[in-house]
Amino acid sequence: MSSIKLRLLRAVFTHFGHCGTASRLRWGRALGWLAPRLLKSRAHVVRTNLRLCFPEHSEDEREAWLRRHFRLLAQSVVDRGLLWFGSVEDITAAIDIRGLEHLERLLAAKRPILMLAPHFIALDAAATRLTEFLERAATLYTPQSDPDVDRIVRDGRARFNDVRLLSRRDGVRGLIRQLRQGVPIYYLPDMDFGRQGAIFVPFFGIPAATIPATAQIARAWDAAVVPIVSRLDEASGRYSVDVLAPLDDFPGDDDPQQATRRINELLEQWVRSDPAQYYWVHRRFKTRPQQSDKKFY
């Protein structure tokens, strides 16, 4: 049964990878319309996150963001077929990337690189395009609960060049081993992994459990922190990836709390420019400070 399911999943994503842009967009729109109606618990999470982070906006505005968010999210899932099974030419044509010169300069200088990639909808498209460019790269990976899905995801994300998927159980130690070998790290700084190792730093004014590894690694290994900001245009199906200049003097004299707060403030700016693009289906405020008994979800 497992092999049948694996073949079926591969067939579906291979179809998405080889069909035209117009067809992928139709699938994305259809699934985006269905998703909030079928995934009611996730719609509740998105609605709650938007209400907490944007109380100054009307409910109608937030509901419009929610609907667009699910359309973008569904399109990004459909487009995994393109990223994992499509031709290199089609992938390159679908993803506009700017700022690779920042990485080129750091690689030439043999500087450790931490690519700071917040959870935007286009996260996987950005990673695929960067692994096409980089000879080596590494990132933390949380195994999927379904082994068939896990196999497809792992194979897809490691499709180009030398991509090292590190178990999240290895945590920062695994990242450090790769940095010492000169491997650029694709690091996602903004998930709630519980209380262990986290500090509470405001995100849209709400204390959020945040791993301070960005500042710790940058200080300990003199790593350049290079933000990666990505977007998906639902009308054209095209992705844009901006590789920004390395953060100036980071973490500088800031302690981990202050430096992590600086990261969250930058992330807020990027999110505010187009709120629907952020990965709101994640329960970002699930873990609460010990002195707080308030739960949001």
Protein backbone atom coordinates (compact mmCIF):
# COMPACT_ATOMS: atom_id res chain seq x y z
CA MET A 1 0.00 0.00 0.00
CA SER A 2 2.85 2.35 0.86
CA SER A 3 4.46 1.95 -2.56
CA ILE A 4 1.11 2.57 -4.26
CA LYS A 5 0.63 5.78 -2.30
CA LEU A 6 4.18 6.88 -3.08
CA ARG A 7 3.67 6.28 -6.80
CA LEU A 8 0.37 8.18 -6.68
CA LEU A 9 1.94 11.17 -4.92
CA ARG A 10 4.80 11.22 -7.39
CA ALA A 11 2.38 11.04 -10.29
CA VAL A 12 0.34 13.97 -8.97
CA PHE A 13 3.33 16.21 -8.36
CA THR A 14 4.97 15.15 -11.60
CA HIS A 15 1.79 16.22 -13.40
CA PHE A 16 1.92 19.60 -11.66
CA GLY A 17 5.59 19.86 -12.61
CA HIS A 18 4.99 19.32 -16.29
CA CYS A 19 1.69 21.08 -16.91
CA GLY A 20 1.61 24.70 -18.08
CA THR A 21 1.40 27.76 -15.87
CA ALA A 22 -2.30 28.33 -16.66
CA SER A 23 -3.15 24.80 -15.54
CA ARG A 24 -1.16 25.13 -12.31
CA LEU A 25 -2.92 28.42 -11.56
CA ARG A 26 -6.33 26.80 -12.04
CA TRP A 27 -5.40 24.02 -9.63
CA GLY A 28 -4.10 26.59 -7.14
CA ARG A 29 -7.27 28.67 -7.28
CA ALA A 30 -9.48 25.61 -6.83
CA LEU A 31 -7.51 24.24 -3.90
CA GLY A 32 -7.19 27.72 -2.40
CA TRP A 33 -10.97 28.07 -2.41
CA LEU A 34 -11.42 24.65 -0.79
CA ALA A 35 -8.68 24.88 1.82
CA PRO A 36 -10.25 27.24 4.40
CA ARG A 37 -13.56 25.39 4.05
CA LEU A 38 -12.04 21.95 4.60
CA LEU A 39 -9.23 22.90 7.00
CA LYS A 40 -11.37 24.78 9.49
CA SER A 41 -8.91 24.39 12.37
CA ARG A 42 -6.14 25.95 10.26
CA ALA A 43 -8.46 28.72 9.15
CA HIS A 44 -9.09 29.41 12.85
CA VAL A 45 -5.31 29.65 13.42
CA VAL A 46 -4.88 32.08 10.51
CA ARG A 47 -7.84 34.18 11.64
CA THR A 48 -6.50 34.31 15.20
CA ASN A 49 -2.96 35.26 14.11
CA LEU A 50 -4.23 38.06 11.89
CA ARG A 51 -6.49 39.39 14.63
CA LEU A 52 -3.62 39.40 17.14
CA CYS A 53 -1.08 40.98 14.80
CA PHE A 54 -3.34 43.47 12.99
CA PRO A 55 -5.98 44.64 15.50
CA GLU A 56 -5.99 48.08 13.85
CA HIS A 57 -7.39 46.61 10.63
CA SER A 58 -11.04 45.77 10.13
CA GLU A 59 -12.38 42.24 10.24
CA ASP A 60 -13.28 42.51 6.55
CA GLU A 61 -9.68 43.40 5.66
CA ARG A 62 -8.34 40.50 7.68
CA GLU A 63 -10.83 38.09 6.11
CA ALA A 64 -9.70 39.23 2.66
CA TRP A 65 -6.10 38.52 3.71
CA LEU A 66 -7.15 35.09 4.98
CA ARG A 67 -8.76 34.15 1.66
CA ARG A 68 -5.76 35.38 -0.30
CA HIS A 69 -3.40 33.63 2.10
CA PHE A 70 -5.03 30.27 1.42
CA ARG A 71 -4.93 30.87 -2.34
CA LEU A 72 -1.22 31.64 -2.13
CA LEU A 73 -0.59 28.69 0.17
CA ALA A 74 -2.44 26.29 -2.14
CA GLN A 75 -0.57 27.62 -5.16
CA SER A 76 2.74 27.08 -3.41
CA VAL A 77 1.78 23.44 -2.72
CA VAL A 78 0.81 22.87 -6.35
CA ASP A 79 4.07 24.49 -7.41
CA ARG A 80 6.08 21.96 -5.41
CA GLY A 81 5.54 19.83 -8.51
CA LEU A 82 7.40 22.40 -10.58
CA LEU A 83 10.20 22.72 -8.02
CA TRP A 84 10.65 18.98 -7.52
CA PHE A 85 9.85 17.53 -10.95
CA GLY A 86 9.81 20.39 -13.47
CA SER A 87 12.62 21.25 -15.85
CA VAL A 88 15.44 23.52 -14.75
CA GLU A 89 14.47 25.92 -17.53
CA ASP A 90 10.87 26.18 -16.29
CA ILE A 91 11.99 26.69 -12.69
CA THR A 92 14.42 29.42 -13.66
CA ALA A 93 11.74 31.11 -15.78
CA ALA A 94 9.24 31.07 -12.89
CA ILE A 95 11.54 32.47 -10.18
CA ASP A 96 13.08 35.93 -10.40
CA ILE A 97 16.02 36.29 -8.04
CA ARG A 98 17.95 39.43 -7.20
CA GLY A 99 20.96 40.06 -5.00
CA LEU A 100 23.07 36.94 -5.66
CA GLU A 101 26.09 39.23 -5.78
CA HIS A 102 25.90 39.49 -1.97
CA LEU A 103 26.40 35.74 -1.67
CA GLU A 104 29.12 35.74 -4.33
CA ARG A 105 31.16 38.31 -2.37
CA LEU A 106 30.80 36.39 0.89
CA LEU A 107 31.73 33.09 -0.75
CA ALA A 108 34.80 34.68 -2.32
CA ALA A 109 35.81 36.02 1.10
CA LYS A 110 35.21 32.55 2.65
CA ARG A 111 32.89 34.11 5.21
CA PRO A 112 30.40 31.82 7.00
CA ILE A 113 26.91 32.53 5.65
CA LEU A 114 23.60 32.30 7.48
CA MET A 115 20.76 32.89 5.03
CA LEU A 116 17.89 34.20 7.15
CA ALA A 117 14.71 32.88 5.51
CA PRO A 118 11.49 33.77 7.36
CA HIS A 119 8.38 31.72 6.71
CA PHE A 120 6.93 33.33 3.64
CA ILE A 121 4.72 31.38 1.25
CA ALA A 122 7.50 31.34 -1.36
CA LEU A 123 10.00 29.78 1.05
CA ASP A 124 10.45 26.55 -0.95
CA ALA A 125 10.76 28.35 -4.27
CA ALA A 126 13.49 30.54 -2.80
CA ALA A 127 15.32 27.51 -1.41
CA THR A 128 15.17 25.67 -4.73
CA ARG A 129 16.48 28.64 -6.68
CA LEU A 130 19.30 29.18 -4.19
CA THR A 131 20.35 25.52 -4.25
CA GLU A 132 20.59 25.79 -8.02
CA PHE A 133 23.08 28.62 -7.49
CA LEU A 134 25.05 27.30 -4.51
CA GLU A 135 27.34 24.30 -4.86
CA ARG A 136 26.65 23.36 -1.24
CA ALA A 137 23.94 24.32 1.22
CA ALA A 138 22.40 23.01 4.43
CA THR A 139 19.18 23.52 6.34
CA LEU A 140 17.33 22.08 9.31
CA TYR A 141 14.60 19.63 8.41
CA THR A 142 11.66 18.29 10.42
CA PRO A 143 10.71 14.82 9.13
CA GLN A 144 7.15 14.50 7.88
CA SER A 145 4.89 12.18 9.84
CA ASP A 146 3.99 10.23 6.69
CA PRO A 147 7.09 8.38 5.40
CA ASP A 148 5.92 8.55 1.77
CA VAL A 149 5.42 12.30 1.96
CA ASP A 150 8.74 12.60 3.78
CA ARG A 151 10.58 10.79 1.01
CA ILE A 152 9.15 13.02 -1.70
CA VAL A 153 9.86 16.19 0.28
CA ARG A 154 13.43 15.16 1.08
CA ASP A 155 14.18 14.17 -2.50
CA GLY A 156 12.62 17.39 -3.79
CA ARG A 157 14.45 19.71 -1.47
CA ALA A 158 17.79 18.01 -2.13
CA ARG A 159 17.31 17.95 -5.90
CA PHE A 160 20.10 20.33 -6.92
CA ASN A 161 23.79 20.21 -6.04
CA ASP A 162 24.89 19.19 -2.54
CA VAL A 163 21.99 19.94 -0.16
CA ARG A 164 22.36 18.67 3.40
CA LEU A 165 19.09 18.22 5.28
CA LEU A 166 19.92 18.22 8.98
CA SER A 167 17.62 16.65 11.52
CA ARG A 168 16.10 19.25 13.79
CA ARG A 169 17.07 16.95 16.66
CA ASP A 170 20.70 17.97 16.01
CA GLY A 171 19.69 21.60 16.43
CA VAL A 172 22.35 24.29 16.35
CA ARG A 173 25.17 21.75 16.68
CA GLY A 174 24.40 20.36 13.24
CA LEU A 175 24.40 23.85 11.74
CA ILE A 176 27.74 24.66 13.36
CA ARG A 177 29.35 21.56 11.86
CA GLN A 178 28.27 22.70 8.40
CA LEU A 179 29.39 26.30 8.94
CA ARG A 180 32.84 25.05 9.96
CA GLN A 181 33.03 23.28 6.60
CA GLY A 182 32.14 26.50 4.77
CA VAL A 183 28.61 25.39 3.87
CA PRO A 184 26.02 28.23 3.64
CA ILE A 185 23.04 27.66 5.94
CA TYR A 186 19.41 28.29 4.98
CA TYR A 187 17.94 29.12 8.38
CA LEU A 188 14.29 29.64 9.33
CA PRO A 189 14.19 31.84 12.45
CA ASP A 190 10.50 32.22 13.19
CA MET A 191 8.78 29.04 14.31
CA ASP A 192 7.46 28.17 17.76
CA PHE A 193 9.28 24.99 18.82
CA GLY A 194 8.27 25.20 22.44
CA ARG A 195 9.90 26.54 25.54
CA GLN A 196 13.22 24.66 25.45
CA GLY A 197 16.03 26.90 24.25
CA ALA A 198 13.64 29.74 23.40
CA ILE A 199 13.40 33.29 24.64
CA PHE A 200 10.27 35.44 24.53
CA VAL A 201 10.64 38.35 22.14
CA PRO A 202 7.83 40.60 20.86
CA PHE A 203 6.42 39.78 17.44
CA PHE A 204 3.78 42.33 16.48
CA GLY A 205 3.78 43.35 20.14
CA ILE A 206 3.06 39.84 21.46
CA PRO A 207 5.71 37.83 23.34
CA ALA A 208 6.62 34.93 21.04
CA ALA A 209 8.85 31.96 21.83
CA THR A 210 11.85 32.48 19.56
CA ILE A 211 15.11 30.57 19.17
CA PRO A 212 18.00 33.08 19.50
CA ALA A 213 20.35 31.00 17.32
CA THR A 214 20.68 33.69 14.63
CA ALA A 215 22.48 36.04 17.00
CA GLN A 216 24.40 33.27 18.76
CA ILE A 217 25.78 31.79 15.54
CA ALA A 218 26.59 35.18 14.04
CA ARG A 219 28.58 36.17 17.12
CA ALA A 220 30.37 32.87 17.73
CA TRP A 221 31.37 32.21 14.13
CA ASP A 222 31.47 35.70 12.62
CA ALA A 223 28.73 34.59 10.23
CA ALA A 224 27.18 37.06 7.82
CA VAL A 225 23.39 37.13 8.23
CA VAL A 226 21.81 37.50 4.78
CA PRO A 227 18.00 37.99 4.73
CA ILE A 228 16.02 36.17 2.05
CA VAL A 229 12.62 37.78 1.35
CA SER A 230 10.35 35.96 -1.10
CA ARG A 231 6.95 36.60 -2.68
CA LEU A 232 4.45 34.81 -4.93
CA ASP A 233 2.33 36.68 -7.48
CA GLU A 234 -0.92 34.71 -7.62
CA ALA A 235 -1.99 36.34 -10.89
CA SER A 236 1.06 35.29 -12.90
CA GLY A 237 2.32 32.37 -10.81
CA ARG A 238 5.77 33.94 -10.73
CA TYR A 239 8.00 34.09 -7.68
CA SER A 240 10.36 36.87 -6.65
CA VAL A 241 13.29 36.27 -4.32
CA ASP A 242 15.34 39.11 -2.88
CA VAL A 243 18.73 38.28 -1.41
CA LEU A 244 19.33 41.34 0.74
CA ALA A 245 22.64 42.78 1.86
CA PRO A 246 24.10 41.21 5.02
CA LEU A 247 22.82 42.80 8.20
CA ASP A 248 25.12 45.58 9.29
CA ASP A 249 27.03 45.06 12.54
CA PHE A 250 24.94 42.10 13.68
CA PRO A 251 24.67 41.31 16.51
CA GLY A 252 27.18 44.02 17.39
CA ASP A 253 27.04 44.85 21.09
CA ASP A 254 23.48 43.55 21.48
CA ASP A 255 22.79 40.65 23.79
CA PRO A 256 20.77 37.68 22.37
CA GLN A 257 17.49 39.19 23.54
CA GLN A 258 18.14 42.55 21.88
CA ALA A 259 19.54 41.00 18.69
CA THR A 260 16.60 38.61 18.35
CA ARG A 261 14.23 41.50 18.87
CA ARG A 262 15.98 43.30 16.01
CA ILE A 263 15.35 40.27 13.77
CA ASN A 264 11.68 40.19 14.70
CA GLU A 265 11.32 43.91 14.01
CA LEU A 266 12.79 43.41 10.53
CA LEU A 267 10.45 40.51 9.94
CA GLU A 268 7.47 42.65 10.93
CA GLN A 269 8.46 45.23 8.31
CA TRP A 270 8.65 42.59 5.59
CA VAL A 271 5.33 41.06 6.63
CA ARG A 272 3.49 44.39 6.77
CA SER A 273 4.33 45.09 3.13
CA ASP A 274 2.03 42.18 2.11
CA PRO A 275 0.51 40.36 5.10
CA ALA A 276 -1.10 37.53 3.12
CA GLN A 277 2.35 36.25 2.07
CA TYR A 278 3.34 35.16 5.58
CA TYR A 279 2.86 31.60 6.85
CA TRP A 280 -0.03 32.31 9.20
CA VAL A 281 -1.19 28.67 9.42
CA HIS A 282 1.55 28.13 11.99
CA ARG A 283 0.54 28.66 15.63
CA ARG A 284 3.19 31.32 16.20
CA PHE A 285 1.94 32.20 19.70
CA LYS A 286 1.23 28.67 20.96
CA THR A 287 3.87 28.72 23.71
CA ARG A 288 3.15 31.35 26.32
CA PRO A 289 5.42 32.82 29.02
CA GLN A 290 5.23 30.86 32.26
CA GLN A 291 3.64 33.76 34.12
CA SER A 292 0.83 33.92 31.55
CA ASP A 293 -2.11 31.52 31.56
CA LYS A 294 -3.63 33.03 28.42
CA LYS A 295 -4.00 30.75 25.42
CA PHE A 296 -4.79 31.98 21.91
CA TYR A 297 -5.62 28.74 20.08
